[in-house]
Protein backbone atom coordinates (compact mmCIF):
# COMPACT_ATOMS: atom_id res chain seq x y z
CA LEU A 1 0.00 0.00 0.00
CA GLU A 2 2.78 2.39 0.85
CA GLU A 3 4.38 1.76 -2.53
CA GLU A 4 1.07 2.35 -4.30
CA GLU A 5 0.52 5.59 -2.37
CA MET A 6 4.00 6.80 -3.37
CA ILE A 7 3.33 6.09 -7.02
CA ASN A 8 0.01 7.94 -6.85
CA ARG A 9 1.71 10.88 -5.16
CA ILE A 10 4.37 11.06 -7.89
CA ASN A 11 1.72 10.90 -10.63
CA SER A 12 -0.19 13.65 -8.87
CA ILE A 13 2.91 15.86 -8.83
CA PHE A 14 3.49 15.36 -12.56
CA ARG A 15 -0.16 15.96 -13.43
CA ARG A 16 -0.48 19.10 -11.35
CA ASN A 17 -0.44 22.17 -13.64
CA LEU A 18 0.47 19.91 -16.57
CA PRO A 19 -0.40 22.49 -19.31
CA ALA A 20 1.82 25.08 -17.64
CA LYS A 21 4.67 22.62 -17.36
CA ILE A 22 4.37 21.67 -21.06
CA LEU A 23 4.33 25.34 -22.00
CA ALA A 24 7.42 25.98 -19.88
CA LEU A 25 9.23 23.08 -21.51
CA CYS A 26 8.41 24.37 -25.01
CA VAL A 27 9.62 27.85 -24.08
CA ALA A 28 12.86 26.36 -22.70
CA VAL A 29 13.45 24.43 -25.91
CA ILE A 30 12.81 27.49 -28.04
CA LEU A 31 15.15 29.58 -25.90
CA TRP A 32 17.84 26.89 -26.16
CA VAL A 33 17.53 26.83 -29.98
CA VAL A 34 17.72 30.63 -30.15
CA VAL A 35 20.78 30.73 -27.90
CA MET A 36 22.54 27.95 -29.82
CA ASN A 37 21.83 29.64 -33.15
CA ASP A 38 23.20 32.87 -31.78
CA GLN A 39 26.31 31.32 -30.24
CA ASN A 40 26.92 28.69 -32.96
CA PRO A 41 25.32 30.02 -36.17
CA ALA A 42 25.26 28.16 -39.48
CA ILE A 43 27.97 29.41 -41.86
CA GLU A 44 29.29 28.42 -45.27
CA GLY A 45 32.77 27.31 -46.26
CA SER A 46 34.58 25.76 -49.22
CA PHE A 47 37.10 22.95 -49.58
CA ASN A 48 39.20 21.78 -52.54
CA VAL A 49 38.81 18.01 -52.65
CA PRO A 50 40.65 15.48 -54.86
CA LEU A 51 38.36 13.83 -57.39
CA ALA A 52 38.29 10.04 -57.03
CA VAL A 53 37.08 7.52 -59.60
CA VAL A 54 35.13 4.39 -58.64
CA ASN A 55 34.12 1.36 -60.71
CA SER A 56 36.73 2.06 -63.38
CA PRO A 57 36.33 -0.38 -66.29
CA GLU A 58 39.32 -2.65 -66.86
CA GLY A 59 41.29 -2.49 -70.07
CA TYR A 60 41.02 1.27 -70.59
CA LYS A 61 43.27 4.28 -70.25
CA ILE A 62 41.18 6.85 -68.39
CA THR A 63 41.83 10.58 -68.47
CA LYS A 64 39.74 13.27 -66.78
CA SER A 65 39.46 17.02 -67.26
CA GLU A 66 39.72 17.79 -63.52
CA ASP A 67 41.82 16.31 -60.74
CA SER A 68 39.94 18.11 -57.96
CA VAL A 69 36.68 19.96 -57.34
CA LYS A 70 35.55 22.74 -55.00
CA ILE A 71 32.88 21.73 -52.50
CA LYS A 72 30.84 24.49 -50.81
CA VAL A 73 29.03 23.38 -47.64
CA ARG A 74 26.92 24.86 -44.84
CA GLY A 75 27.02 23.84 -41.18
CA PRO A 76 27.36 25.03 -37.57
CA ARG A 77 30.38 27.23 -37.06
CA SER A 78 31.80 24.82 -34.46
CA LEU A 79 32.14 22.07 -37.09
CA PHE A 80 34.44 24.19 -39.24
CA VAL A 81 36.98 24.53 -36.43
CA THR A 82 38.36 21.02 -36.97
CA ALA A 83 37.10 20.26 -40.49
CA THR A 84 39.67 19.72 -43.28
CA ALA A 85 39.46 18.75 -46.94
CA ASP A 86 40.31 15.16 -45.96
CA ASP A 87 36.91 14.90 -44.23
CA PHE A 88 35.07 15.37 -47.52
CA ARG A 89 34.89 13.07 -50.54
CA ALA A 90 34.18 13.80 -54.18
CA TYR A 91 33.98 11.04 -56.74
CA VAL A 92 32.65 9.93 -60.12
CA ASP A 93 31.12 6.51 -60.67
CA LEU A 94 32.13 5.06 -64.06
CA ASP A 95 29.96 1.97 -63.77
CA GLY A 96 28.51 1.34 -67.24
CA ALA A 97 30.66 4.01 -68.93
CA GLN A 98 31.26 3.63 -72.68
CA ASP A 99 34.24 4.20 -74.98
CA GLY A 100 35.12 7.76 -75.88
CA LYS A 101 34.44 11.11 -74.22
CA GLN A 102 31.57 11.71 -71.82
CA ASP A 103 30.51 14.06 -69.04
CA CYS A 104 29.93 12.50 -65.61
CA LYS A 105 28.18 14.03 -62.58
CA VAL A 106 30.33 14.59 -59.49
CA GLN A 107 28.99 12.93 -56.33
CA THR A 108 29.93 13.80 -52.75
CA ALA A 109 30.06 12.29 -49.26
CA LEU A 110 29.93 14.78 -46.37
CA PRO A 111 30.55 14.45 -42.63
CA GLN A 112 27.49 14.50 -40.38
CA GLY A 113 26.19 17.99 -39.72
CA PHE A 114 27.20 19.48 -43.07
CA GLU A 115 24.83 20.37 -45.90
CA LEU A 116 25.98 20.57 -49.52
CA VAL A 117 25.55 23.98 -51.14
CA GLU A 118 27.27 23.39 -54.49
CA VAL A 119 30.05 21.54 -56.30
CA ALA A 120 32.20 23.25 -58.91
CA PRO A 121 32.35 21.91 -61.51
CA GLU A 122 29.20 19.80 -61.26
CA THR A 123 30.30 17.53 -64.12
CA VAL A 124 33.72 16.36 -65.27
CA SER A 125 34.71 15.17 -68.75
CA PHE A 126 36.21 11.69 -69.02
CA ASP A 127 37.91 10.01 -71.97
CA LEU A 128 37.95 6.20 -72.00
CA ASP A 129 40.53 4.87 -74.47
CA LYS A 130 40.52 1.09 -74.89
CA ILE A 131 43.87 -0.70 -74.49
CA ILE A 132 44.57 -2.81 -77.61
CA GLN A 133 47.39 -4.82 -79.14
CA LYS A 134 48.65 -4.91 -82.71
CA GLN A 135 51.39 -7.03 -84.26
CA MET A 136 53.89 -5.47 -86.64
CA ARG A 137 57.28 -6.23 -88.15
CA ALA A 138 60.22 -4.26 -86.84
CA GLU A 139 62.91 -3.06 -89.21
CA VAL A 140 66.55 -2.31 -88.53
CA ILE A 141 68.09 0.80 -90.09
CA VAL A 142 71.86 0.99 -90.40
CA THR A 143 73.37 4.46 -90.12
CA GLY A 144 76.91 5.78 -90.38
CA ALA A 145 79.85 4.24 -92.25
CA SER A 146 82.09 1.28 -91.57
CA ALA A 147 85.90 1.50 -91.58
CA PRO A 148 87.55 2.47 -94.86
CA GLY A 149 87.87 -0.48 -97.23
CA THR A 150 84.94 -2.36 -95.59
CA THR A 151 81.24 -2.53 -96.24
CA VAL A 152 78.22 -4.13 -94.61
CA ALA A 153 77.60 -7.55 -96.10
CA LYS A 154 74.63 -8.70 -94.06
CA VAL A 155 72.29 -7.51 -91.28
CA THR A 156 70.50 -10.25 -89.34
CA GLN A 157 67.97 -9.85 -86.54
CA THR A 158 66.74 -12.70 -84.33
CA SER A 159 63.07 -11.83 -84.75
CA SER A 160 61.24 -9.06 -86.55
CA LEU A 161 57.72 -9.66 -85.19
CA VAL A 162 56.72 -7.37 -82.29
CA THR A 163 53.53 -6.43 -80.47
CA ILE A 164 52.40 -2.85 -79.98
CA GLU A 165 50.26 -2.30 -76.87
CA GLY A 166 48.56 0.86 -75.63
CA PRO A 167 45.49 3.10 -75.95
CA GLU A 168 43.69 2.53 -79.24
CA SER A 169 44.01 6.18 -80.28
CA ALA A 170 47.81 5.96 -79.93
CA VAL A 171 48.29 2.47 -81.39
CA ASP A 172 46.35 3.46 -84.51
CA THR A 173 48.96 6.15 -85.28
CA VAL A 174 51.90 3.70 -85.33
CA VAL A 175 53.05 3.08 -88.91
CA ARG A 176 56.53 1.63 -88.31
CA VAL A 177 58.66 0.03 -85.62
CA VAL A 178 62.35 0.68 -86.14
CA GLY A 179 65.71 0.14 -84.50
CA TYR A 180 68.84 2.08 -85.44
CA VAL A 181 72.34 0.61 -85.71
CA GLY A 182 75.28 3.02 -85.94
CA LEU A 183 78.38 1.65 -87.63
CA SER A 184 80.78 4.27 -86.22
CA GLY A 185 83.71 3.07 -88.31
CA ASN A 186 83.47 -0.60 -87.36
CA SER A 187 85.74 -2.96 -89.29
CA ALA A 188 84.74 -6.33 -87.77
CA ASP A 189 81.55 -8.30 -87.29
CA PHE A 190 79.59 -7.44 -84.17
CA ASP A 191 76.34 -8.22 -82.33
CA LEU A 192 74.22 -5.88 -80.23
CA GLN A 193 70.80 -5.35 -78.67
CA VAL A 194 68.95 -2.68 -80.63
CA PRO A 195 66.11 -0.76 -78.86
CA LEU A 196 62.91 -0.59 -80.89
CA THR A 197 60.77 2.53 -81.28
CA ALA A 198 57.19 2.95 -82.53
CA ILE A 199 56.91 5.95 -84.86
CA ASN A 200 54.04 7.71 -86.63
CA ALA A 201 53.64 8.94 -90.19
CA ASP A 202 55.65 12.10 -89.36
CA GLY A 203 58.61 10.03 -88.17
CA ARG A 204 58.05 10.94 -84.52
CA GLU A 205 58.01 8.53 -81.62
CA VAL A 206 54.49 7.60 -80.50
CA GLN A 207 54.10 8.26 -76.78
CA GLY A 208 52.08 6.03 -74.48
CA VAL A 209 52.61 2.73 -76.34
CA LYS A 210 54.76 -0.26 -75.43
CA VAL A 211 56.78 -2.35 -77.88
CA VAL A 212 57.15 -6.04 -76.90
CA PRO A 213 59.90 -7.08 -77.03
CA SER A 214 61.45 -3.65 -76.54
CA ALA A 215 64.71 -4.63 -78.32
CA THR A 216 65.96 -7.10 -80.91
CA GLU A 217 69.34 -8.78 -81.24
CA VAL A 218 71.11 -7.81 -84.42
CA SER A 219 74.21 -9.29 -86.04
CA ILE A 220 76.24 -7.18 -88.47
CA SER A 221 78.62 -8.85 -90.93
């Protein structure tokens, strides 16, 4: 009975002037929000964030127009005290991307308490260049002159077949694979490893491609 009386007494205390108590609680909450907003107002700030790429398709060389983006966010002033660019993430999802150039929307991940205002730029251009292989025959070009009274009788290379590997746009410009042998006044037979170079129609080396094997063994008689 004593326990029941105590419970009834506590309930009576809580129920007494209940509307006034609820009103007082609401006023206290409102005052707390006003004070917090005054002491810790919402402000805006910007961070330069590296642009990451997720779900990159295999077998492609991927280039993008931007390496980083500017993220503008809003949040309580207290959050900016310790916030750094490392706390924010900007990325592009290439799942389902096709060959060639395309614009992709930048997505973000923000720490709790921050609200995204804007991302600049909102989209980033990507170029997906498929990695391909092409077989070609390498040729050896002899330059210079042998010693007086001698001449080159024969040039032999162990293998002339090579594979060109790289982005399709670069591989398509390769018209020849050559290796250069300088005589430099030689008077006797000699062997050497000759580096091979992929060149385009203008006679310039094609960048971004790999020649396999990268050299051929040549014998000069």
